Amino acid sequence: MFRRRQQIDIPEFYVGSVLAVTSADPYAPTRRNRFVGICILRERHGLKHQFTLRNIVDGVGVEIIYELYNPTITKIEVLKLEKRLDDNLAYLRDAPPEYCTFPFDMEPVKLPPGAGVPLNTIQVDRFYNYVYLLKMIFLVYLGTNYKYSLAI
């Protein structure tokens, strides 16, 4: 763990921070992949520490789980440092896309010197989750009751 910290700079980040992770492809060592997303989960400790990034790419939600001390990670950048009220942002999976869509060419947002870590108090509108759930229940109901689906 200490040797890995000497090879790569691991910045301070929290759940809710926007990160860019550059990793090497193990099958093509000269190729680098960069993924930008919001950190929705941090789990485990020590060498097995993991964090999950989420972004919407071409209308599809993409989540990637990274191990913090994985040797294929070449660079971790904090593009926007902030904290959230929750330690687990898994509810963003059901939220509207504007809550977790970030451009891949996003520039880092610099904090003023001496400023603390900002707290993001944005609450995701849970109304969308209920509408989606009701829509799915309705579709399942129509799928199992064919005679009613023709009347609607």
N, C-alpha and C. Protein backbone atom coordinates (compact mmCIF):
# COMPACT_ATOMS: atom_id res chain seq x y z
N MET A 1 0.83 -1.18 0.00
CA MET A 1 0.00 0.00 0.00
C MET A 1 0.88 1.25 0.00
N PHE A 2 1.93 1.24 0.82
CA PHE A 2 2.80 2.41 0.87
C PHE A 2 3.57 2.57 -0.43
N ARG A 3 3.99 1.45 -1.02
CA ARG A 3 4.70 1.50 -2.30
C ARG A 3 3.79 2.06 -3.39
N ARG A 4 2.52 1.68 -3.37
CA ARG A 4 1.58 2.16 -4.38
C ARG A 4 1.34 3.66 -4.22
N ARG A 5 1.29 4.14 -2.99
CA ARG A 5 1.09 5.58 -2.76
C ARG A 5 2.29 6.39 -3.24
N GLN A 6 3.47 5.78 -3.32
CA GLN A 6 4.64 6.47 -3.84
C GLN A 6 4.58 6.57 -5.36
N GLN A 7 3.90 5.63 -6.01
CA GLN A 7 3.83 5.61 -7.47
C GLN A 7 2.72 6.50 -8.02
N ILE A 8 1.62 6.63 -7.29
CA ILE A 8 0.48 7.40 -7.78
C ILE A 8 0.00 8.33 -6.66
N ASP A 9 -0.43 9.52 -7.06
CA ASP A 9 -0.97 10.47 -6.11
C ASP A 9 -2.46 10.17 -5.92
N ILE A 10 -2.84 9.78 -4.71
CA ILE A 10 -4.24 9.48 -4.42
C ILE A 10 -4.82 10.69 -3.70
N PRO A 11 -5.70 11.45 -4.37
CA PRO A 11 -6.21 12.68 -3.78
C PRO A 11 -7.31 12.42 -2.75
N GLU A 12 -7.64 13.46 -2.02
CA GLU A 12 -8.75 13.42 -1.07
C GLU A 12 -10.05 13.55 -1.87
N PHE A 13 -10.99 12.65 -1.64
CA PHE A 13 -12.30 12.76 -2.27
C PHE A 13 -13.33 12.08 -1.38
N TYR A 14 -14.59 12.44 -1.59
CA TYR A 14 -15.69 11.95 -0.78
C TYR A 14 -16.79 11.44 -1.70
N VAL A 15 -17.78 10.79 -1.10
CA VAL A 15 -18.96 10.40 -1.86
C VAL A 15 -19.66 11.69 -2.28
N GLY A 16 -19.90 11.84 -3.57
CA GLY A 16 -20.48 13.06 -4.11
C GLY A 16 -19.49 13.86 -4.92
N SER A 17 -18.20 13.55 -4.83
CA SER A 17 -17.19 14.24 -5.62
C SER A 17 -17.20 13.71 -7.05
N VAL A 18 -16.86 14.58 -7.99
CA VAL A 18 -16.76 14.18 -9.39
C VAL A 18 -15.30 13.88 -9.68
N LEU A 19 -15.03 12.67 -10.16
CA LEU A 19 -13.67 12.21 -10.39
C LEU A 19 -13.45 11.84 -11.84
N ALA A 20 -12.18 11.88 -12.25
CA ALA A 20 -11.75 11.36 -13.54
C ALA A 20 -10.65 10.35 -13.25
N VAL A 21 -10.88 9.11 -13.66
CA VAL A 21 -9.91 8.04 -13.41
C VAL A 21 -9.35 7.59 -14.75
N THR A 22 -8.03 7.62 -14.86
CA THR A 22 -7.34 7.14 -16.06
C THR A 22 -6.71 5.80 -15.71
N SER A 23 -7.04 4.80 -16.52
CA SER A 23 -6.49 3.47 -16.26
C SER A 23 -5.90 2.90 -17.53
N ALA A 24 -4.93 2.01 -17.35
CA ALA A 24 -4.29 1.35 -18.48
C ALA A 24 -5.04 0.07 -18.79
N ASP A 25 -5.10 -0.25 -20.06
CA ASP A 25 -5.71 -1.50 -20.49
C ASP A 25 -4.69 -2.61 -20.31
N PRO A 26 -4.99 -3.66 -19.52
CA PRO A 26 -3.97 -4.70 -19.28
C PRO A 26 -3.59 -5.48 -20.53
N TYR A 27 -4.45 -5.47 -21.55
CA TYR A 27 -4.16 -6.21 -22.78
C TYR A 27 -3.51 -5.35 -23.85
N ALA A 28 -3.57 -4.04 -23.68
CA ALA A 28 -2.90 -3.11 -24.60
C ALA A 28 -2.23 -2.03 -23.74
N PRO A 29 -1.00 -2.26 -23.31
CA PRO A 29 -0.36 -1.37 -22.32
C PRO A 29 -0.22 0.08 -22.76
N THR A 30 -0.22 0.37 -24.05
CA THR A 30 -0.07 1.75 -24.49
C THR A 30 -1.40 2.50 -24.51
N ARG A 31 -2.49 1.80 -24.35
CA ARG A 31 -3.82 2.43 -24.40
C ARG A 31 -4.27 2.85 -23.01
N ARG A 32 -4.83 4.06 -22.90
CA ARG A 32 -5.33 4.59 -21.65
C ARG A 32 -6.83 4.88 -21.80
N ASN A 33 -7.59 4.57 -20.77
CA ASN A 33 -9.03 4.85 -20.74
C ASN A 33 -9.30 5.85 -19.63
N ARG A 34 -10.10 6.87 -19.93
CA ARG A 34 -10.45 7.89 -18.94
C ARG A 34 -11.95 7.86 -18.73
N PHE A 35 -12.37 7.75 -17.48
CA PHE A 35 -13.79 7.74 -17.16
C PHE A 35 -14.06 8.84 -16.15
N VAL A 36 -15.08 9.63 -16.43
CA VAL A 36 -15.49 10.72 -15.55
C VAL A 36 -16.84 10.35 -14.96
N GLY A 37 -16.99 10.52 -13.65
CA GLY A 37 -18.27 10.21 -13.02
C GLY A 37 -18.31 10.70 -11.59
N ILE A 38 -19.49 10.60 -11.02
CA ILE A 38 -19.69 10.99 -9.63
C ILE A 38 -19.46 9.76 -8.75
N CYS A 39 -18.79 9.96 -7.65
CA CYS A 39 -18.53 8.86 -6.72
C CYS A 39 -19.81 8.62 -5.94
N ILE A 40 -20.41 7.44 -6.14
CA ILE A 40 -21.67 7.15 -5.46
C ILE A 40 -21.49 6.22 -4.26
N LEU A 41 -20.29 5.61 -4.14
CA LEU A 41 -20.10 4.66 -3.05
C LEU A 41 -18.61 4.45 -2.79
N ARG A 42 -18.25 4.40 -1.52
CA ARG A 42 -16.89 4.01 -1.10
C ARG A 42 -17.06 2.89 -0.09
N GLU A 43 -16.34 1.79 -0.30
CA GLU A 43 -16.49 0.66 0.60
C GLU A 43 -15.17 -0.05 0.82
N ARG A 44 -15.11 -0.84 1.86
CA ARG A 44 -13.95 -1.61 2.30
C ARG A 44 -12.82 -0.67 2.76
N HIS A 45 -11.80 -1.27 3.33
CA HIS A 45 -10.67 -0.50 3.84
C HIS A 45 -9.37 -1.17 3.44
N GLY A 46 -8.29 -0.43 3.52
CA GLY A 46 -6.97 -0.98 3.25
C GLY A 46 -6.76 -1.27 1.78
N LEU A 47 -6.08 -2.38 1.49
CA LEU A 47 -5.75 -2.73 0.11
C LEU A 47 -6.97 -3.05 -0.74
N LYS A 48 -8.06 -3.43 -0.13
CA LYS A 48 -9.28 -3.79 -0.87
C LYS A 48 -10.26 -2.62 -1.02
N HIS A 49 -9.81 -1.41 -0.70
CA HIS A 49 -10.70 -0.25 -0.77
C HIS A 49 -11.22 -0.07 -2.19
N GLN A 50 -12.53 0.13 -2.31
CA GLN A 50 -13.18 0.30 -3.61
C GLN A 50 -14.02 1.57 -3.62
N PHE A 51 -14.16 2.14 -4.80
CA PHE A 51 -15.09 3.25 -4.99
C PHE A 51 -15.80 3.06 -6.32
N THR A 52 -17.03 3.54 -6.38
CA THR A 52 -17.87 3.36 -7.57
C THR A 52 -18.15 4.71 -8.19
N LEU A 53 -17.93 4.82 -9.51
CA LEU A 53 -18.23 6.03 -10.26
C LEU A 53 -19.42 5.77 -11.16
N ARG A 54 -20.28 6.79 -11.33
CA ARG A 54 -21.46 6.67 -12.18
C ARG A 54 -21.54 7.88 -13.11
N ASN A 55 -21.91 7.61 -14.36
CA ASN A 55 -22.13 8.66 -15.35
C ASN A 55 -23.15 8.14 -16.35
N ILE A 56 -23.80 9.05 -17.05
CA ILE A 56 -24.72 8.69 -18.11
C ILE A 56 -23.98 8.89 -19.43
N VAL A 57 -23.80 7.81 -20.21
CA VAL A 57 -23.08 7.86 -21.48
C VAL A 57 -24.05 7.44 -22.58
N ASP A 58 -24.33 8.35 -23.52
CA ASP A 58 -25.26 8.09 -24.63
C ASP A 58 -26.61 7.58 -24.14
N GLY A 59 -27.10 8.15 -23.04
CA GLY A 59 -28.41 7.79 -22.53
C GLY A 59 -28.44 6.52 -21.70
N VAL A 60 -27.30 5.92 -21.45
CA VAL A 60 -27.24 4.68 -20.68
C VAL A 60 -26.42 4.94 -19.41
N GLY A 61 -26.94 4.52 -18.27
CA GLY A 61 -26.20 4.66 -17.03
C GLY A 61 -25.05 3.67 -16.96
N VAL A 62 -23.85 4.19 -16.68
CA VAL A 62 -22.66 3.35 -16.60
C VAL A 62 -22.05 3.52 -15.22
N GLU A 63 -21.80 2.41 -14.55
CA GLU A 63 -21.13 2.42 -13.26
C GLU A 63 -19.87 1.56 -13.35
N ILE A 64 -18.78 2.07 -12.84
CA ILE A 64 -17.52 1.33 -12.83
C ILE A 64 -17.01 1.29 -11.39
N ILE A 65 -16.67 0.10 -10.94
CA ILE A 65 -16.10 -0.08 -9.61
C ILE A 65 -14.59 -0.18 -9.76
N TYR A 66 -13.88 0.70 -9.08
CA TYR A 66 -12.42 0.71 -9.11
C TYR A 66 -11.89 0.30 -7.74
N GLU A 67 -10.81 -0.45 -7.75
CA GLU A 67 -10.06 -0.68 -6.52
C GLU A 67 -9.01 0.42 -6.42
N LEU A 68 -8.94 1.06 -5.29
CA LEU A 68 -8.10 2.25 -5.14
C LEU A 68 -6.62 1.96 -5.39
N TYR A 69 -6.16 0.79 -5.00
CA TYR A 69 -4.74 0.47 -5.13
C TYR A 69 -4.46 -0.46 -6.31
N ASN A 70 -5.35 -0.49 -7.28
CA ASN A 70 -5.16 -1.32 -8.47
C ASN A 70 -3.99 -0.75 -9.29
N PRO A 71 -3.04 -1.60 -9.69
CA PRO A 71 -1.89 -1.08 -10.45
C PRO A 71 -2.23 -0.58 -11.85
N THR A 72 -3.40 -0.91 -12.38
CA THR A 72 -3.76 -0.42 -13.72
C THR A 72 -4.23 1.03 -13.68
N ILE A 73 -4.55 1.57 -12.51
CA ILE A 73 -4.95 2.97 -12.40
C ILE A 73 -3.70 3.83 -12.47
N THR A 74 -3.66 4.72 -13.47
CA THR A 74 -2.48 5.57 -13.64
C THR A 74 -2.67 6.97 -13.08
N LYS A 75 -3.93 7.43 -12.97
CA LYS A 75 -4.15 8.79 -12.50
C LYS A 75 -5.57 8.92 -11.96
N ILE A 76 -5.72 9.61 -10.84
CA ILE A 76 -7.03 9.94 -10.28
C ILE A 76 -7.07 11.44 -10.10
N GLU A 77 -8.04 12.07 -10.76
CA GLU A 77 -8.20 13.53 -10.67
C GLU A 77 -9.53 13.84 -10.00
N VAL A 78 -9.52 14.80 -9.11
CA VAL A 78 -10.76 15.29 -8.52
C VAL A 78 -11.16 16.52 -9.32
N LEU A 79 -12.26 16.40 -10.07
CA LEU A 79 -12.72 17.52 -10.89
C LEU A 79 -13.59 18.49 -10.10
N LYS A 80 -14.35 17.94 -9.14
CA LYS A 80 -15.19 18.79 -8.29
C LYS A 80 -15.26 18.13 -6.92
N LEU A 81 -14.65 18.76 -5.94
CA LEU A 81 -14.60 18.21 -4.59
C LEU A 81 -15.81 18.71 -3.81
N GLU A 82 -16.61 17.78 -3.32
CA GLU A 82 -17.74 18.13 -2.47
C GLU A 82 -18.19 16.91 -1.69
N LYS A 83 -18.92 17.17 -0.62
CA LYS A 83 -19.50 16.10 0.19
C LYS A 83 -21.01 16.11 -0.02
N ARG A 84 -21.63 14.99 0.25
CA ARG A 84 -23.09 14.87 0.24
C ARG A 84 -23.55 14.49 1.63
N LEU A 85 -24.83 14.64 1.87
CA LEU A 85 -25.39 14.29 3.17
C LEU A 85 -25.42 12.78 3.38
N ASP A 86 -25.52 12.02 2.30
CA ASP A 86 -25.58 10.56 2.38
C ASP A 86 -24.22 9.96 2.08
N ASP A 87 -23.93 8.79 2.65
CA ASP A 87 -22.70 8.07 2.35
C ASP A 87 -22.89 7.09 1.20
N ASN A 88 -24.12 6.89 0.77
CA ASN A 88 -24.41 5.97 -0.32
C ASN A 88 -25.38 6.66 -1.27
N LEU A 89 -24.93 6.95 -2.47
CA LEU A 89 -25.78 7.64 -3.45
C LEU A 89 -26.37 6.67 -4.47
N ALA A 90 -26.66 5.45 -4.05
CA ALA A 90 -27.22 4.45 -4.97
C ALA A 90 -28.58 4.87 -5.50
N TYR A 91 -29.27 5.78 -4.81
CA TYR A 91 -30.56 6.24 -5.30
C TYR A 91 -30.44 7.04 -6.60
N LEU A 92 -29.21 7.44 -6.98
CA LEU A 92 -29.03 8.13 -8.26
C LEU A 92 -29.29 7.21 -9.45
N ARG A 93 -29.31 5.90 -9.21
CA ARG A 93 -29.61 4.96 -10.30
C ARG A 93 -31.03 5.15 -10.81
N ASP A 94 -31.94 5.54 -9.94
CA ASP A 94 -33.34 5.73 -10.34
C ASP A 94 -33.69 7.19 -10.56
N ALA A 95 -32.74 8.08 -10.34
CA ALA A 95 -33.00 9.52 -10.47
C ALA A 95 -32.94 9.94 -11.93
N PRO A 96 -33.49 11.11 -12.24
CA PRO A 96 -33.38 11.64 -13.61
C PRO A 96 -31.91 11.82 -14.00
N PRO A 97 -31.61 11.73 -15.29
CA PRO A 97 -30.22 11.76 -15.75
C PRO A 97 -29.44 13.03 -15.41
N GLU A 98 -30.10 14.16 -15.21
CA GLU A 98 -29.36 15.39 -14.98
C GLU A 98 -28.60 15.39 -13.65
N TYR A 99 -28.94 14.48 -12.75
CA TYR A 99 -28.24 14.41 -11.47
C TYR A 99 -26.89 13.71 -11.57
N CYS A 100 -26.67 12.92 -12.60
CA CYS A 100 -25.38 12.20 -12.68
C CYS A 100 -24.84 12.14 -14.11
N THR A 101 -25.02 13.21 -14.88
CA THR A 101 -24.45 13.30 -16.22
C THR A 101 -23.35 14.36 -16.21
N PHE A 102 -22.15 13.94 -16.60
CA PHE A 102 -21.00 14.84 -16.61
C PHE A 102 -20.25 14.67 -17.92
N PRO A 103 -19.79 15.77 -18.53
CA PRO A 103 -19.03 15.64 -19.78
C PRO A 103 -17.65 15.05 -19.52
N PHE A 104 -17.14 14.31 -20.50
CA PHE A 104 -15.83 13.69 -20.34
C PHE A 104 -14.68 14.69 -20.45
N ASP A 105 -14.96 15.88 -20.99
CA ASP A 105 -13.92 16.91 -21.08
C ASP A 105 -14.10 17.99 -20.00
N MET A 106 -14.71 17.63 -18.90
CA MET A 106 -14.96 18.57 -17.80
C MET A 106 -13.65 19.05 -17.20
N GLU A 107 -13.56 20.35 -16.97
CA GLU A 107 -12.37 20.95 -16.37
C GLU A 107 -12.49 20.95 -14.85
N PRO A 108 -11.37 20.82 -14.12
CA PRO A 108 -11.43 20.84 -12.65
C PRO A 108 -11.93 22.18 -12.12
N VAL A 109 -12.71 22.11 -11.06
CA VAL A 109 -13.21 23.30 -10.37
C VAL A 109 -12.30 23.53 -9.17
N LYS A 110 -11.61 24.67 -9.17
CA LYS A 110 -10.66 24.98 -8.10
C LYS A 110 -11.38 25.62 -6.93
N LEU A 111 -11.03 25.19 -5.72
CA LEU A 111 -11.55 25.80 -4.51
C LEU A 111 -10.62 26.93 -4.08
N PRO A 112 -11.15 27.97 -3.47
CA PRO A 112 -10.27 29.04 -2.97
C PRO A 112 -9.37 28.50 -1.85
N PRO A 113 -8.16 29.04 -1.73
CA PRO A 113 -7.25 28.56 -0.68
C PRO A 113 -7.85 28.76 0.71
N GLY A 114 -7.72 27.75 1.55
CA GLY A 114 -8.22 27.83 2.92
C GLY A 114 -9.70 27.51 3.06
N ALA A 115 -10.38 27.27 1.95
CA ALA A 115 -11.81 26.96 2.02
C ALA A 115 -12.00 25.50 2.39
N GLY A 116 -13.04 25.22 3.13
CA GLY A 116 -13.35 23.85 3.50
C GLY A 116 -14.01 23.11 2.34
N VAL A 117 -14.26 21.85 2.55
CA VAL A 117 -14.92 21.05 1.53
C VAL A 117 -16.40 21.43 1.51
N PRO A 118 -16.92 21.87 0.35
CA PRO A 118 -18.32 22.28 0.31
C PRO A 118 -19.27 21.10 0.48
N LEU A 119 -20.40 21.36 1.11
CA LEU A 119 -21.42 20.35 1.33
C LEU A 119 -22.55 20.58 0.34
N ASN A 120 -22.83 19.60 -0.50
CA ASN A 120 -23.89 19.69 -1.48
C ASN A 120 -25.17 19.16 -0.85
N THR A 121 -26.15 20.02 -0.68
CA THR A 121 -27.39 19.63 -0.01
C THR A 121 -28.53 19.40 -1.00
N ILE A 122 -28.21 19.20 -2.28
CA ILE A 122 -29.25 18.96 -3.27
C ILE A 122 -29.98 17.66 -2.95
N GLN A 123 -31.29 17.74 -2.91
CA GLN A 123 -32.10 16.56 -2.68
C GLN A 123 -32.69 16.12 -4.02
N VAL A 124 -32.51 14.84 -4.32
CA VAL A 124 -33.07 14.30 -5.56
C VAL A 124 -34.58 14.20 -5.39
N ASP A 125 -35.29 14.66 -6.38
CA ASP A 125 -36.75 14.63 -6.33
C ASP A 125 -37.21 13.18 -6.40
N ARG A 126 -37.73 12.69 -5.30
CA ARG A 126 -38.14 11.28 -5.21
C ARG A 126 -39.44 11.03 -5.97
N PHE A 127 -40.10 12.08 -6.42
CA PHE A 127 -41.34 11.93 -7.17
C PHE A 127 -41.11 11.10 -8.44
N TYR A 128 -39.97 11.32 -9.11
CA TYR A 128 -39.68 10.57 -10.32
C TYR A 128 -39.57 9.07 -10.05
N ASN A 129 -39.03 8.72 -8.89
CA ASN A 129 -38.92 7.30 -8.54
C ASN A 129 -40.29 6.67 -8.38
N TYR A 130 -41.22 7.37 -7.77
CA TYR A 130 -42.56 6.83 -7.58
C TYR A 130 -43.30 6.71 -8.91
N VAL A 131 -43.15 7.70 -9.78
CA VAL A 131 -43.81 7.65 -11.08
C VAL A 131 -43.26 6.47 -11.88
N TYR A 132 -41.96 6.27 -11.85
CA TYR A 132 -41.35 5.15 -12.57
C TYR A 132 -41.86 3.82 -12.00
N LEU A 133 -41.94 3.71 -10.69
CA LEU A 133 -42.41 2.48 -10.06
C LEU A 133 -43.87 2.21 -10.44
N LEU A 134 -44.71 3.23 -10.41
CA LEU A 134 -46.11 3.04 -10.79
C LEU A 134 -46.24 2.64 -12.26
N LYS A 135 -45.41 3.24 -13.10
CA LYS A 135 -45.44 2.90 -14.52
C LYS A 135 -45.06 1.43 -14.74
N MET A 136 -44.04 0.96 -14.02
CA MET A 136 -43.62 -0.43 -14.16
C MET A 136 -44.70 -1.39 -13.64
N ILE A 137 -45.33 -1.06 -12.53
CA ILE A 137 -46.40 -1.90 -11.99
C ILE A 137 -47.56 -1.96 -12.99
N PHE A 138 -47.87 -0.83 -13.59
CA PHE A 138 -48.95 -0.77 -14.56
C PHE A 138 -48.63 -1.64 -15.78
N LEU A 139 -47.38 -1.58 -16.27
CA LEU A 139 -47.00 -2.39 -17.42
C LEU A 139 -47.03 -3.89 -17.10
N VAL A 140 -46.61 -4.26 -15.89
CA VAL A 140 -46.67 -5.67 -15.49
C VAL A 140 -48.13 -6.11 -15.41
N TYR A 141 -48.98 -5.24 -14.88
CA TYR A 141 -50.40 -5.56 -14.78
C TYR A 141 -51.00 -5.76 -16.17
N LEU A 142 -50.65 -4.89 -17.12
CA LEU A 142 -51.16 -5.04 -18.48
C LEU A 142 -50.62 -6.30 -19.15
N GLY A 143 -49.39 -6.64 -18.84
CA GLY A 143 -48.80 -7.83 -19.46
C GLY A 143 -49.44 -9.11 -18.99
N THR A 144 -49.96 -9.14 -17.76
CA THR A 144 -50.56 -10.36 -17.24
C THR A 144 -52.06 -10.42 -17.46
N ASN A 145 -52.69 -9.28 -17.74
CA ASN A 145 -54.14 -9.25 -17.97
C ASN A 145 -54.41 -8.74 -19.39
N TYR A 146 -54.41 -9.65 -20.33
CA TYR A 146 -54.52 -9.27 -21.73
C TYR A 146 -55.88 -8.66 -22.07
N LYS A 147 -56.95 -9.15 -21.45
CA LYS A 147 -58.26 -8.62 -21.82
C LYS A 147 -58.43 -7.16 -21.40
N TYR A 148 -57.71 -6.73 -20.33
CA TYR A 148 -57.78 -5.34 -19.92
C TYR A 148 -56.86 -4.46 -20.74
N SER A 149 -55.79 -5.03 -21.28
CA SER A 149 -54.86 -4.23 -22.05
C SER A 149 -55.48 -3.76 -23.37
N LEU A 150 -56.44 -4.50 -23.91
CA LEU A 150 -57.10 -4.09 -25.13
C LEU A 150 -58.07 -2.94 -24.88
N ALA A 151 -58.66 -2.88 -23.71
CA ALA A 151 -59.62 -1.82 -23.40
C ALA A 151 -58.93 -0.49 -23.17
N ILE A 152 -57.68 -0.52 -22.81
CA ILE A 152 -56.96 0.73 -22.52
C ILE A 152 -56.25 1.15 -23.76
